[in-house]
Amino acid sequence: MQLTIKRLNLEHVTWSLDNGNSRNTDDLRFGQFIHNKYNVECVDVFYVESAQDAYEQLLTNLTINDEGA
């Protein structure tokens, strides 16, 4: 499954409602969760602790890639 801006936004809203800006009940960071689910290679957010920071980095990268397409 490919990560799109729409999917990222839905994942982030769901994550924020369930976990806030922290790790989930499986002790996964948001960036780690997204990396594992979507096999994201374009930007390294695996070790970013803040869900908001990981989201912003991913969104920026997806936006740049969309503009270049």
N, C-alpha and C. Protein backbone atom coordinates (compact mmCIF):
# COMPACT_ATOMS: atom_id res chain seq x y z
N MET A 1 0.85 -1.18 0.00
CA MET A 1 0.00 0.00 0.00
C MET A 1 0.90 1.24 0.00
N GLN A 2 0.56 2.20 -0.83
CA GLN A 2 1.36 3.41 -0.95
C GLN A 2 0.83 4.50 -0.01
N LEU A 3 1.75 5.19 0.62
CA LEU A 3 1.38 6.30 1.50
C LEU A 3 1.08 7.53 0.66
N THR A 4 -0.11 8.06 0.84
CA THR A 4 -0.52 9.30 0.17
C THR A 4 -0.76 10.35 1.24
N ILE A 5 -0.93 11.59 0.82
CA ILE A 5 -1.21 12.66 1.78
C ILE A 5 -2.51 12.38 2.50
N LYS A 6 -3.52 11.92 1.79
CA LYS A 6 -4.81 11.61 2.42
C LYS A 6 -4.67 10.51 3.47
N ARG A 7 -3.96 9.45 3.13
CA ARG A 7 -3.75 8.36 4.09
C ARG A 7 -2.95 8.84 5.29
N LEU A 8 -1.91 9.63 5.04
CA LEU A 8 -1.09 10.15 6.13
C LEU A 8 -1.94 10.98 7.07
N ASN A 9 -2.79 11.85 6.52
CA ASN A 9 -3.65 12.69 7.36
C ASN A 9 -4.59 11.84 8.21
N LEU A 10 -5.19 10.82 7.61
CA LEU A 10 -6.09 9.93 8.36
C LEU A 10 -5.34 9.16 9.45
N GLU A 11 -4.17 8.66 9.12
CA GLU A 11 -3.36 7.94 10.11
C GLU A 11 -2.98 8.86 11.27
N HIS A 12 -2.60 10.10 10.94
CA HIS A 12 -2.18 11.03 11.98
C HIS A 12 -3.33 11.43 12.89
N VAL A 13 -4.50 11.68 12.32
CA VAL A 13 -5.67 12.03 13.14
C VAL A 13 -6.02 10.87 14.07
N THR A 14 -6.05 9.67 13.52
CA THR A 14 -6.36 8.50 14.33
C THR A 14 -5.33 8.31 15.43
N TRP A 15 -4.07 8.44 15.08
CA TRP A 15 -2.98 8.29 16.05
C TRP A 15 -3.11 9.35 17.15
N SER A 16 -3.34 10.58 16.77
CA SER A 16 -3.43 11.67 17.74
C SER A 16 -4.58 11.46 18.71
N LEU A 17 -5.71 11.00 18.20
CA LEU A 17 -6.86 10.74 19.07
C LEU A 17 -6.58 9.60 20.04
N ASP A 18 -5.90 8.57 19.55
CA ASP A 18 -5.64 7.38 20.37
C ASP A 18 -4.42 7.51 21.27
N ASN A 19 -3.38 8.21 20.80
CA ASN A 19 -2.09 8.19 21.50
C ASN A 19 -1.50 9.56 21.79
N GLY A 20 -2.14 10.61 21.33
CA GLY A 20 -1.56 11.94 21.51
C GLY A 20 -0.30 12.05 20.67
N ASN A 21 0.73 12.65 21.22
CA ASN A 21 1.99 12.85 20.51
C ASN A 21 3.03 11.79 20.91
N SER A 22 2.56 10.77 21.62
CA SER A 22 3.46 9.77 22.19
C SER A 22 3.39 8.44 21.45
N ARG A 23 4.00 7.44 22.07
CA ARG A 23 3.99 6.08 21.54
C ARG A 23 2.63 5.43 21.78
N ASN A 24 2.35 4.37 20.99
CA ASN A 24 1.09 3.65 21.17
C ASN A 24 1.25 2.55 22.22
N THR A 25 0.22 1.75 22.40
CA THR A 25 0.25 0.70 23.44
C THR A 25 1.24 -0.41 23.10
N ASP A 26 1.65 -0.51 21.84
CA ASP A 26 2.67 -1.48 21.44
C ASP A 26 4.07 -0.89 21.53
N ASP A 27 4.19 0.32 22.10
CA ASP A 27 5.45 1.04 22.28
C ASP A 27 6.07 1.46 20.95
N LEU A 28 5.23 1.65 19.93
CA LEU A 28 5.71 2.13 18.64
C LEU A 28 5.56 3.64 18.54
N ARG A 29 6.54 4.28 17.93
CA ARG A 29 6.45 5.70 17.60
C ARG A 29 5.61 5.83 16.34
N PHE A 30 5.02 6.99 16.10
CA PHE A 30 4.20 7.21 14.90
C PHE A 30 5.02 6.96 13.63
N GLY A 31 6.22 7.51 13.58
CA GLY A 31 7.07 7.32 12.41
C GLY A 31 7.43 5.86 12.19
N GLN A 32 7.66 5.15 13.27
CA GLN A 32 7.96 3.72 13.20
C GLN A 32 6.75 2.95 12.66
N PHE A 33 5.57 3.29 13.15
CA PHE A 33 4.33 2.67 12.71
C PHE A 33 4.11 2.89 11.21
N ILE A 34 4.28 4.14 10.76
CA ILE A 34 4.10 4.47 9.35
C ILE A 34 5.16 3.77 8.49
N HIS A 35 6.38 3.79 8.96
CA HIS A 35 7.48 3.13 8.24
C HIS A 35 7.17 1.65 8.03
N ASN A 36 6.72 0.97 9.07
CA ASN A 36 6.43 -0.45 8.99
C ASN A 36 5.19 -0.75 8.13
N LYS A 37 4.16 0.06 8.27
CA LYS A 37 2.91 -0.19 7.55
C LYS A 37 3.02 0.10 6.06
N TYR A 38 3.72 1.18 5.71
CA TYR A 38 3.79 1.62 4.32
C TYR A 38 5.16 1.43 3.68
N ASN A 39 6.11 0.86 4.42
CA ASN A 39 7.46 0.64 3.91
C ASN A 39 8.05 1.92 3.33
N VAL A 40 7.97 2.99 4.09
CA VAL A 40 8.44 4.31 3.67
C VAL A 40 9.97 4.34 3.67
N GLU A 41 10.55 4.68 2.54
CA GLU A 41 12.00 4.75 2.41
C GLU A 41 12.47 6.17 2.09
N CYS A 42 11.56 7.03 1.65
CA CYS A 42 11.94 8.35 1.14
C CYS A 42 12.41 9.32 2.23
N VAL A 43 11.94 9.14 3.44
CA VAL A 43 12.35 10.01 4.55
C VAL A 43 12.42 9.15 5.80
N ASP A 44 13.46 9.35 6.60
CA ASP A 44 13.69 8.51 7.77
C ASP A 44 13.03 9.11 9.00
N VAL A 45 11.86 8.60 9.34
CA VAL A 45 11.15 9.06 10.54
C VAL A 45 11.04 7.94 11.57
N PHE A 46 11.73 6.84 11.34
CA PHE A 46 11.63 5.66 12.20
C PHE A 46 11.94 6.00 13.65
N TYR A 47 12.95 6.81 13.90
CA TYR A 47 13.39 7.10 15.26
C TYR A 47 12.91 8.46 15.78
N VAL A 48 12.05 9.14 15.04
CA VAL A 48 11.53 10.43 15.50
C VAL A 48 10.51 10.16 16.60
N GLU A 49 10.77 10.70 17.77
CA GLU A 49 9.94 10.41 18.94
C GLU A 49 8.58 11.11 18.89
N SER A 50 8.54 12.32 18.39
CA SER A 50 7.31 13.10 18.36
C SER A 50 6.46 12.72 17.15
N ALA A 51 5.20 12.37 17.39
CA ALA A 51 4.28 12.04 16.30
C ALA A 51 4.10 13.24 15.38
N GLN A 52 4.00 14.42 15.95
CA GLN A 52 3.80 15.64 15.16
C GLN A 52 5.00 15.92 14.27
N ASP A 53 6.20 15.76 14.80
CA ASP A 53 7.41 16.00 14.00
C ASP A 53 7.52 15.00 12.85
N ALA A 54 7.23 13.74 13.14
CA ALA A 54 7.27 12.70 12.09
C ALA A 54 6.24 13.01 11.01
N TYR A 55 5.03 13.38 11.44
CA TYR A 55 3.97 13.73 10.50
C TYR A 55 4.40 14.89 9.60
N GLU A 56 4.96 15.93 10.17
CA GLU A 56 5.37 17.10 9.40
C GLU A 56 6.46 16.75 8.38
N GLN A 57 7.41 15.92 8.79
CA GLN A 57 8.47 15.51 7.87
C GLN A 57 7.91 14.69 6.72
N LEU A 58 7.02 13.76 7.04
CA LEU A 58 6.39 12.93 6.00
C LEU A 58 5.54 13.78 5.06
N LEU A 59 4.76 14.68 5.63
CA LEU A 59 3.89 15.54 4.82
C LEU A 59 4.71 16.41 3.88
N THR A 60 5.78 16.99 4.38
CA THR A 60 6.66 17.81 3.54
C THR A 60 7.21 16.98 2.38
N ASN A 61 7.67 15.78 2.68
CA ASN A 61 8.24 14.94 1.65
C ASN A 61 7.18 14.53 0.62
N LEU A 62 5.99 14.17 1.06
CA LEU A 62 4.93 13.79 0.13
C LEU A 62 4.49 14.98 -0.72
N THR A 63 4.45 16.15 -0.14
CA THR A 63 4.06 17.36 -0.88
C THR A 63 5.09 17.67 -1.96
N ILE A 64 6.35 17.59 -1.61
CA ILE A 64 7.43 17.84 -2.59
C ILE A 64 7.36 16.82 -3.71
N ASN A 65 7.13 15.55 -3.36
CA ASN A 65 7.05 14.50 -4.38
C ASN A 65 5.84 14.69 -5.29
N ASP A 66 4.72 15.15 -4.73
CA ASP A 66 3.53 15.40 -5.53
C ASP A 66 3.75 16.56 -6.51
N GLU A 67 4.44 17.59 -6.05
CA GLU A 67 4.70 18.74 -6.91
C GLU A 67 5.65 18.39 -8.05
N GLY A 68 6.56 17.45 -7.79
CA GLY A 68 7.53 17.05 -8.80
C GLY A 68 6.99 16.04 -9.79
N ALA A 69 5.84 15.47 -9.48
CA ALA A 69 5.29 14.41 -10.36
C ALA A 69 4.59 14.98 -11.58
